[in-house]
Amino acid sequence: MWLKHLLAWMIGSAILIGLVLYIDNIDRSRELLNMIGKWAIVLAIDFLISFSYTIWPRKEKTVNG
């Protein structure tokens, strides 16, 4: 699922960069660029959580009875 999140970030970032280029005024579009960075932080946290299960896999539930 993390790779899908990465793909979504790449598509979203490309759209935001396209909007920044279309606006052609860095002062008016600075918040769009900031959003890419904020979303990258979320992506990094998702990476850490997702791949922590590779190092520490979840324990299987046992069925009693």
C-alpha atoms as a PDB file:
ATOM      1  CA  MET A   1       0.000   0.000   0.000  1.00  0.00           C
ATOM      2  CA  TRP A   2       2.921   2.358   0.581  1.00  0.00           C
ATOM      3  CA  LEU A   3       3.824   2.245  -3.089  1.00  0.00           C
ATOM      4  CA  LYS A   4       0.284   3.378  -3.941  1.00  0.00           C
ATOM      5  CA  HIS A   5       0.720   6.245  -1.482  1.00  0.00           C
ATOM      6  CA  LEU A   6       4.025   7.144  -3.173  1.00  0.00           C
ATOM      7  CA  LEU A   7       2.331   7.094  -6.573  1.00  0.00           C
ATOM      8  CA  ALA A   8      -0.464   9.341  -5.278  1.00  0.00           C
ATOM      9  CA  TRP A   9       2.137  11.755  -3.855  1.00  0.00           C
ATOM     10  CA  MET A  10       3.978  11.868  -7.180  1.00  0.00           C
ATOM     11  CA  ILE A  11       0.790  12.545  -9.152  1.00  0.00           C
ATOM     12  CA  GLY A  12      -0.419  15.158  -6.651  1.00  0.00           C
ATOM     13  CA  SER A  13       2.970  16.866  -6.576  1.00  0.00           C
ATOM     14  CA  ALA A  14       3.103  16.998 -10.373  1.00  0.00           C
ATOM     15  CA  ILE A  15      -0.343  18.619 -10.453  1.00  0.00           C
ATOM     16  CA  LEU A  16       0.648  21.171  -7.796  1.00  0.00           C
ATOM     17  CA  ILE A  17       3.888  21.999  -9.617  1.00  0.00           C
ATOM     18  CA  GLY A  18       1.885  22.412 -12.812  1.00  0.00           C
ATOM     19  CA  LEU A  19      -0.400  24.852 -11.027  1.00  0.00           C
ATOM     20  CA  VAL A  20       2.607  26.789  -9.706  1.00  0.00           C
ATOM     21  CA  LEU A  21       3.998  27.058 -13.240  1.00  0.00           C
ATOM     22  CA  TYR A  22       0.584  28.110 -14.552  1.00  0.00           C
ATOM     23  CA  ILE A  23       0.197  30.826 -11.894  1.00  0.00           C
ATOM     24  CA  ASP A  24       3.762  32.033 -12.639  1.00  0.00           C
ATOM     25  CA  ASN A  25       4.003  33.981  -9.385  1.00  0.00           C
ATOM     26  CA  ILE A  26       6.017  32.278  -6.639  1.00  0.00           C
ATOM     27  CA  ASP A  27       4.673  34.567  -3.905  1.00  0.00           C
ATOM     28  CA  ARG A  28       1.063  33.680  -4.720  1.00  0.00           C
ATOM     29  CA  SER A  29       1.752  29.959  -5.071  1.00  0.00           C
ATOM     30  CA  ARG A  30       4.189  29.345  -2.218  1.00  0.00           C
ATOM     31  CA  GLU A  31       1.539  27.530  -0.168  1.00  0.00           C
ATOM     32  CA  LEU A  32       1.080  24.998  -2.970  1.00  0.00           C
ATOM     33  CA  LEU A  33       4.784  24.164  -2.767  1.00  0.00           C
ATOM     34  CA  ASN A  34       4.569  23.973   1.034  1.00  0.00           C
ATOM     35  CA  MET A  35       1.784  21.416   0.668  1.00  0.00           C
ATOM     36  CA  ILE A  36       4.126  19.107  -1.263  1.00  0.00           C
ATOM     37  CA  GLY A  37       6.529  19.197   1.684  1.00  0.00           C
ATOM     38  CA  LYS A  38       3.798  18.561   4.245  1.00  0.00           C
ATOM     39  CA  TRP A  39       2.528  15.617   2.238  1.00  0.00           C
ATOM     40  CA  ALA A  40       6.105  14.295   1.977  1.00  0.00           C
ATOM     41  CA  ILE A  41       6.302  14.231   5.785  1.00  0.00           C
ATOM     42  CA  VAL A  42       3.109  12.149   5.904  1.00  0.00           C
ATOM     43  CA  LEU A  43       4.589   9.869   3.233  1.00  0.00           C
ATOM     44  CA  ALA A  44       7.768   9.410   5.301  1.00  0.00           C
ATOM     45  CA  ILE A  45       5.769   8.530   8.425  1.00  0.00           C
ATOM     46  CA  ASP A  46       3.718   6.044   6.401  1.00  0.00           C
ATOM     47  CA  PHE A  47       6.983   4.550   5.100  1.00  0.00           C
ATOM     48  CA  LEU A  48       8.345   4.082   8.620  1.00  0.00           C
ATOM     49  CA  ILE A  49       5.143   2.458   9.854  1.00  0.00           C
ATOM     50  CA  SER A  50       4.666   0.244   6.790  1.00  0.00           C
ATOM     51  CA  PHE A  51       8.205  -1.063   6.644  1.00  0.00           C
ATOM     52  CA  SER A  52       8.468  -1.525  10.407  1.00  0.00           C
ATOM     53  CA  TYR A  53       6.245  -4.564   9.866  1.00  0.00           C
ATOM     54  CA  THR A  54       9.081  -6.055   7.778  1.00  0.00           C
ATOM     55  CA  ILE A  55      11.403  -5.882  10.780  1.00  0.00           C
ATOM     56  CA  TRP A  56       8.797  -6.609  13.451  1.00  0.00           C
ATOM     57  CA  PRO A  57       5.965  -8.612  11.857  1.00  0.00           C
ATOM     58  CA  ARG A  58       2.593  -8.755  13.553  1.00  0.00           C
ATOM     59  CA  LYS A  59       1.928 -11.805  15.679  1.00  0.00           C
ATOM     60  CA  GLU A  60      -0.674 -14.173  14.308  1.00  0.00           C
ATOM     61  CA  LYS A  61      -3.873 -14.434  16.295  1.00  0.00           C
ATOM     62  CA  THR A  62      -4.534 -17.828  17.784  1.00  0.00           C
ATOM     63  CA  VAL A  63      -7.954 -19.429  17.890  1.00  0.00           C
ATOM     64  CA  ASN A  64      -8.933 -20.868  21.266  1.00  0.00           C
ATOM     65  CA  GLY A  65     -10.968 -24.011  21.307  1.00  0.00           C
END
